[in-house]
Amino acid sequence: MKLLRHGPVGAEKPGAIDANGLVRDLSLLVPDFTPDWLAPVKLGALSAIDLERMPLVPQGARFGAPVAGLRQFVAIGLNYRKHAAGSGLEIPKEPVVFMKGLTSIAGPNDDVNLPEGSEAGDWEVELGFVIGTVARKVGVTDALKHVAGYCLANDVSERDWQIKRNGQWGKGKSFDGFGPIGPWLVTGDELPDPQSVLLQLFVNGDLCQESSTADMIFSVAEIVSYLSQFMTLLPGDLVITGTPHGVGLGMKPPKFLKRGDVMTLKAGVLGGQRQQVI
């Protein structure tokens, strides 16, 4: 299934993509895609819906983040071999973990508003996943059983705040709108292997990032297991898994976002995003 939320900011309704690629509204059956709807029993009930009997969503409707009430926004850094090598850094022996503010979450095509005075805005295409059942000290073998689904993410970053303001990465990554998510959440039955997703990001039509998630240092299963050793992962927790090489900071000379730029992201079954920088 591809689950989504459509409508104006703060008034999104649940929906899904049918077999013909059309967007269907599910608000007659489901109040919203909150964390309790990510449980296996609830996902099973959703999969039984005859989507073609549900109302069509008008073309051009805004998409919001595919899950409401996300509880934690966890991010993994330096998780692609080529990215780490291109940054001149050693391959991490354990995942690099930081947090993004929940208020940074935005729809996949919402504008990205750079903070006043920003001269170091940057892009990061990433694979994200959302937890469906409580994960506490789980092993790698069972880790994916706790994942409700996968999504595309752009870990928008302001490098001066990230690097030059006492080295706490979350500062540069938590501005409002710096976490576009979606357009939909793809359940595990449609993406049985999260390590085979091709990620691409373009800026003004120029390809900047392109990599398979096969290049990840720590797989999704390893990340779930690792995080669950020191924090309990709850239904509705969002985790983004690191970005490939090709970010603006790594270019020579560095290239950063300016107002009017357009970022376009593509990730196969995970869909695409488009954000204009304002």
Protein backbone atom coordinates (compact mmCIF):
# COMPACT_ATOMS: atom_id res chain seq x y z
CA MET A 1 0.00 0.00 0.00
CA LYS A 2 0.91 3.63 -0.53
CA LEU A 3 -0.68 5.64 2.27
CA LEU A 4 -0.81 9.43 2.17
CA ARG A 5 -2.44 12.52 3.61
CA HIS A 6 -3.87 15.24 1.40
CA GLY A 7 -5.27 18.71 1.94
CA PRO A 8 -4.29 22.09 3.41
CA VAL A 9 -1.76 22.40 6.22
CA GLY A 10 -3.39 21.33 9.47
CA ALA A 11 -6.47 19.88 7.74
CA GLU A 12 -5.02 16.87 5.95
CA LYS A 13 -7.17 13.81 5.30
CA PRO A 14 -6.03 10.18 4.87
CA GLY A 15 -5.79 8.67 1.41
CA ALA A 16 -4.10 5.98 -0.65
CA ILE A 17 -2.93 5.26 -4.18
CA ASP A 18 -5.05 2.72 -6.05
CA ALA A 19 -3.85 0.11 -8.57
CA ASN A 20 -4.18 2.64 -11.40
CA GLY A 21 -2.08 5.26 -9.66
CA LEU A 22 -5.06 7.43 -8.73
CA VAL A 23 -5.34 9.15 -5.34
CA ARG A 24 -8.31 8.01 -3.28
CA ASP A 25 -9.74 9.65 -0.17
CA LEU A 26 -10.21 7.38 2.88
CA SER A 27 -11.61 9.91 5.33
CA LEU A 28 -15.03 8.17 5.32
CA LEU A 29 -13.38 5.12 6.91
CA VAL A 30 -10.30 6.42 8.73
CA PRO A 31 -10.06 9.55 10.94
CA ASP A 32 -6.36 10.06 10.13
CA PHE A 33 -3.17 8.06 9.78
CA THR A 34 -2.04 8.43 13.37
CA PRO A 35 0.51 6.07 15.00
CA ASP A 36 -2.17 3.61 16.14
CA TRP A 37 -3.04 2.98 12.48
CA LEU A 38 0.49 1.68 11.86
CA ALA A 39 -0.08 -1.52 13.84
CA PRO A 40 -0.08 -4.70 11.70
CA VAL A 41 -3.79 -5.38 12.41
CA LYS A 42 -4.80 -1.88 11.30
CA LEU A 43 -2.59 -2.03 8.21
CA GLY A 44 -4.21 -5.35 7.38
CA ALA A 45 -7.64 -3.75 7.60
CA LEU A 46 -6.52 -0.93 5.31
CA SER A 47 -5.23 -3.40 2.74
CA ALA A 48 -8.71 -4.97 2.55
CA ILE A 49 -10.35 -1.72 1.41
CA ASP A 50 -11.57 -1.66 -2.20
CA LEU A 51 -9.86 1.59 -3.13
CA GLU A 52 -11.70 1.95 -6.42
CA ARG A 53 -14.92 2.47 -4.46
CA MET A 54 -13.43 5.38 -2.54
CA PRO A 55 -13.79 9.01 -3.72
CA LEU A 56 -11.11 10.44 -5.98
CA VAL A 57 -8.95 13.25 -4.65
CA PRO A 58 -8.87 16.23 -7.05
CA GLN A 59 -5.71 16.48 -9.12
CA GLY A 60 -3.24 19.00 -7.78
CA ALA A 61 -4.26 18.54 -4.15
CA ARG A 62 -1.49 19.24 -1.67
CA PHE A 63 0.16 16.26 0.03
CA GLY A 64 1.17 16.49 3.68
CA ALA A 65 3.51 14.23 5.60
CA PRO A 66 1.98 10.73 5.26
CA VAL A 67 1.65 10.09 9.01
CA ALA A 68 0.10 12.45 11.57
CA GLY A 69 1.32 12.72 15.14
CA LEU A 70 4.87 11.56 14.51
CA ARG A 71 6.50 11.17 17.92
CA GLN A 72 10.25 11.38 17.40
CA PHE A 73 12.33 12.48 14.42
CA VAL A 74 15.63 10.59 14.49
CA ALA A 75 18.34 11.02 11.87
CA ILE A 76 21.46 9.06 10.96
CA GLY A 77 24.54 10.85 9.65
CA LEU A 78 27.47 9.75 7.47
CA ASN A 79 25.79 6.51 6.48
CA TYR A 80 26.95 6.17 2.86
CA ARG A 81 30.42 4.95 2.06
CA LYS A 82 31.04 7.39 -0.80
CA HIS A 83 29.66 10.30 1.21
CA ALA A 84 31.98 9.60 4.13
CA ALA A 85 34.95 9.14 1.79
CA GLY A 86 34.11 12.34 -0.12
CA SER A 87 33.94 14.24 3.17
CA GLY A 88 37.41 13.00 4.11
CA LEU A 89 36.01 11.20 7.16
CA GLU A 90 36.53 7.67 8.42
CA ILE A 91 33.75 5.13 8.02
CA PRO A 92 31.81 5.26 11.32
CA LYS A 93 32.11 2.16 13.49
CA GLU A 94 28.63 2.84 14.91
CA PRO A 95 25.75 4.89 13.49
CA VAL A 96 25.97 8.66 13.95
CA VAL A 97 22.66 9.66 15.57
CA PHE A 98 21.06 13.08 15.98
CA MET A 99 17.54 14.49 16.27
CA LYS A 100 15.53 16.86 14.10
CA GLY A 101 12.74 19.01 15.50
CA LEU A 102 9.24 17.66 14.90
CA THR A 103 8.29 21.16 13.75
CA SER A 104 10.63 20.75 10.78
CA ILE A 105 8.28 18.16 9.22
CA ALA A 106 6.59 19.37 6.03
CA GLY A 107 4.78 18.05 3.00
CA PRO A 108 6.83 16.73 0.09
CA ASN A 109 6.17 19.70 -2.18
CA ASP A 110 5.95 22.53 0.35
CA ASP A 111 8.24 25.52 -0.09
CA VAL A 112 11.49 25.54 1.88
CA ASN A 113 11.94 28.82 3.70
CA LEU A 114 15.60 29.59 4.38
CA PRO A 115 16.18 31.40 7.70
CA GLU A 116 17.04 35.06 7.56
CA GLY A 117 20.66 35.62 6.57
CA SER A 118 21.21 32.00 5.51
CA GLU A 119 24.05 31.51 3.06
CA ALA A 120 24.68 27.78 3.56
CA GLY A 121 21.41 25.98 2.88
CA ASP A 122 21.93 22.44 1.62
CA TRP A 123 20.05 19.37 0.42
CA GLU A 124 20.11 15.69 1.48
CA VAL A 125 17.94 13.06 -0.21
CA GLU A 126 17.28 10.16 2.18
CA LEU A 127 15.35 6.97 2.73
CA GLY A 128 13.08 7.26 5.76
CA PHE A 129 11.07 4.71 7.69
CA VAL A 130 8.31 4.87 10.30
CA ILE A 131 8.04 2.49 13.24
CA GLY A 132 4.80 0.50 13.52
CA THR A 133 5.27 -1.51 16.72
CA VAL A 134 7.30 -0.89 19.87
CA ALA A 135 10.97 -1.82 19.40
CA ARG A 136 13.09 -2.30 22.50
CA LYS A 137 16.44 -4.11 22.35
CA VAL A 138 15.54 -6.02 19.19
CA GLY A 139 17.98 -8.05 17.12
CA VAL A 140 18.85 -7.33 13.50
CA THR A 141 16.99 -10.43 12.30
CA ASP A 142 13.65 -9.24 13.72
CA ALA A 143 14.18 -5.51 13.26
CA LEU A 144 12.22 -4.98 10.03
CA LYS A 145 9.12 -6.51 11.64
CA HIS A 146 8.84 -3.26 13.62
CA VAL A 147 8.82 -1.03 10.52
CA ALA A 148 5.37 0.04 9.25
CA GLY A 149 6.66 1.52 6.02
CA TYR A 150 9.15 3.62 4.11
CA CYS A 151 9.16 7.14 2.72
CA LEU A 152 11.27 9.64 0.85
CA ALA A 153 12.82 12.50 2.84
CA ASN A 154 14.88 15.62 2.25
CA ASP A 155 17.05 16.41 5.26
CA VAL A 156 17.35 20.12 4.45
CA SER A 157 20.28 21.61 6.35
CA GLU A 158 21.76 25.00 7.17
CA ARG A 159 25.47 24.23 7.38
CA ASP A 160 26.57 27.33 9.31
CA TRP A 161 24.11 26.49 12.10
CA GLN A 162 25.04 22.80 11.87
CA ILE A 163 28.82 23.18 11.94
CA LYS A 164 29.72 26.60 13.33
CA ARG A 165 27.27 26.87 16.23
CA ASN A 166 29.01 24.57 18.71
CA GLY A 167 28.80 21.42 16.62
CA GLN A 168 25.29 20.24 17.46
CA TRP A 169 23.84 19.09 14.15
CA GLY A 170 20.20 19.43 15.13
CA LYS A 171 20.56 23.21 15.19
CA GLY A 172 21.10 23.32 11.45
CA LYS A 173 18.41 20.79 10.62
CA SER A 174 15.38 21.75 12.71
CA PHE A 175 14.14 24.97 11.10
CA ASP A 176 10.46 24.91 10.13
CA GLY A 177 10.03 23.08 6.82
CA PHE A 178 13.49 21.47 6.88
CA GLY A 179 12.00 17.94 6.90
CA PRO A 180 9.87 17.32 3.78
CA ILE A 181 8.44 13.80 4.03
CA GLY A 182 6.48 11.74 1.50
CA PRO A 183 4.54 11.89 -0.78
CA TRP A 184 3.40 8.58 0.71
CA LEU A 185 4.31 5.81 3.13
CA VAL A 186 5.06 2.56 1.30
CA THR A 187 4.29 -0.52 3.40
CA GLY A 188 6.78 -3.35 3.57
CA ASP A 189 4.84 -5.61 1.21
CA GLU A 190 5.65 -3.18 -1.62
CA LEU A 191 9.27 -2.68 -0.54
CA PRO A 192 10.54 -5.97 0.90
CA ASP A 193 14.19 -4.89 0.47
CA PRO A 194 14.86 -1.30 1.60
CA GLN A 195 18.51 -1.72 0.55
CA SER A 196 17.67 -1.59 -3.16
CA VAL A 197 16.21 1.91 -3.58
CA LEU A 198 17.71 4.35 -6.09
CA LEU A 199 17.78 7.87 -4.65
CA GLN A 200 18.19 10.97 -6.84
CA LEU A 201 18.17 14.69 -6.12
CA PHE A 202 18.30 17.49 -8.67
CA VAL A 203 18.82 21.21 -8.09
CA ASN A 204 17.39 23.38 -10.87
CA GLY A 205 17.36 20.28 -13.09
CA ASP A 206 21.02 19.37 -12.48
CA LEU A 207 21.62 15.92 -10.98
CA CYS A 208 23.51 16.36 -7.70
CA GLN A 209 22.91 13.10 -5.82
CA GLU A 210 22.41 9.59 -7.16
CA SER A 211 22.97 6.41 -5.21
CA SER A 212 21.39 3.12 -4.24
CA THR A 213 20.62 2.48 -0.60
CA ALA A 214 22.84 -0.57 -1.10
CA ASP A 215 25.74 1.84 -0.39
CA MET A 216 24.51 2.44 3.15
CA ILE A 217 27.06 1.56 5.82
CA PHE A 218 24.35 0.50 8.27
CA SER A 219 21.21 -1.09 6.84
CA VAL A 220 17.69 -0.24 7.97
CA ALA A 221 17.59 -3.42 10.03
CA GLU A 222 20.90 -2.56 11.70
CA ILE A 223 19.70 0.99 12.43
CA VAL A 224 16.46 -0.21 14.04
CA SER A 225 18.34 -2.72 16.16
CA TYR A 226 21.03 -0.20 17.16
CA LEU A 227 18.61 2.57 18.13
CA SER A 228 16.48 0.13 20.13
CA GLN A 229 19.42 -0.73 22.36
CA PHE A 230 19.40 2.72 24.00
CA MET A 231 15.97 4.17 23.26
CA THR A 232 12.53 2.63 22.94
CA LEU A 233 11.17 3.18 19.44
CA LEU A 234 7.43 3.86 19.42
CA PRO A 235 4.79 3.60 16.70
CA GLY A 236 4.95 6.84 14.77
CA ASP A 237 8.68 7.40 15.25
CA LEU A 238 10.31 8.61 12.04
CA VAL A 239 13.91 7.73 11.21
CA ILE A 240 15.84 9.04 8.21
CA THR A 241 18.87 6.98 7.30
CA GLY A 242 21.57 9.29 5.93
CA THR A 243 22.36 10.83 2.58
CA PRO A 244 24.61 9.82 -0.35
CA HIS A 245 27.48 11.86 -1.75
CA GLY A 246 26.67 14.98 -3.75
CA VAL A 247 25.56 17.48 -1.12
CA GLY A 248 26.42 21.12 -1.72
CA LEU A 249 28.87 21.25 1.18
CA GLY A 250 31.02 18.58 -0.47
CA MET A 251 31.33 20.35 -3.82
CA LYS A 252 34.49 22.22 -4.75
CA PRO A 253 33.83 25.05 -4.25
CA PRO A 254 30.78 24.43 -2.04
CA LYS A 255 27.42 25.18 -3.63
CA PHE A 256 24.53 26.27 -1.45
CA LEU A 257 20.84 26.95 -1.94
CA LYS A 258 19.59 30.39 -2.85
CA ARG A 259 16.10 31.72 -3.02
CA GLY A 260 14.34 30.64 -6.19
CA ASP A 261 16.17 27.32 -6.46
CA VAL A 262 14.10 24.18 -7.00
CA MET A 263 14.98 20.79 -5.48
CA THR A 264 13.51 17.70 -7.14
CA LEU A 265 13.80 14.26 -5.54
CA LYS A 266 13.06 10.84 -7.05
CA ALA A 267 13.06 7.40 -5.43
CA GLY A 268 11.14 4.88 -7.51
CA VAL A 269 8.30 3.29 -5.51
CA LEU A 270 8.75 5.93 -2.81
CA GLY A 271 7.62 8.64 -5.24
CA GLY A 272 9.03 12.13 -5.75
CA GLN A 273 9.24 15.55 -4.18
CA ARG A 274 9.61 19.12 -5.43
CA GLN A 275 10.48 22.07 -3.23
CA GLN A 276 11.07 25.67 -4.17
CA VAL A 277 13.41 27.66 -1.94
CA ILE A 278 11.93 30.94 -0.71
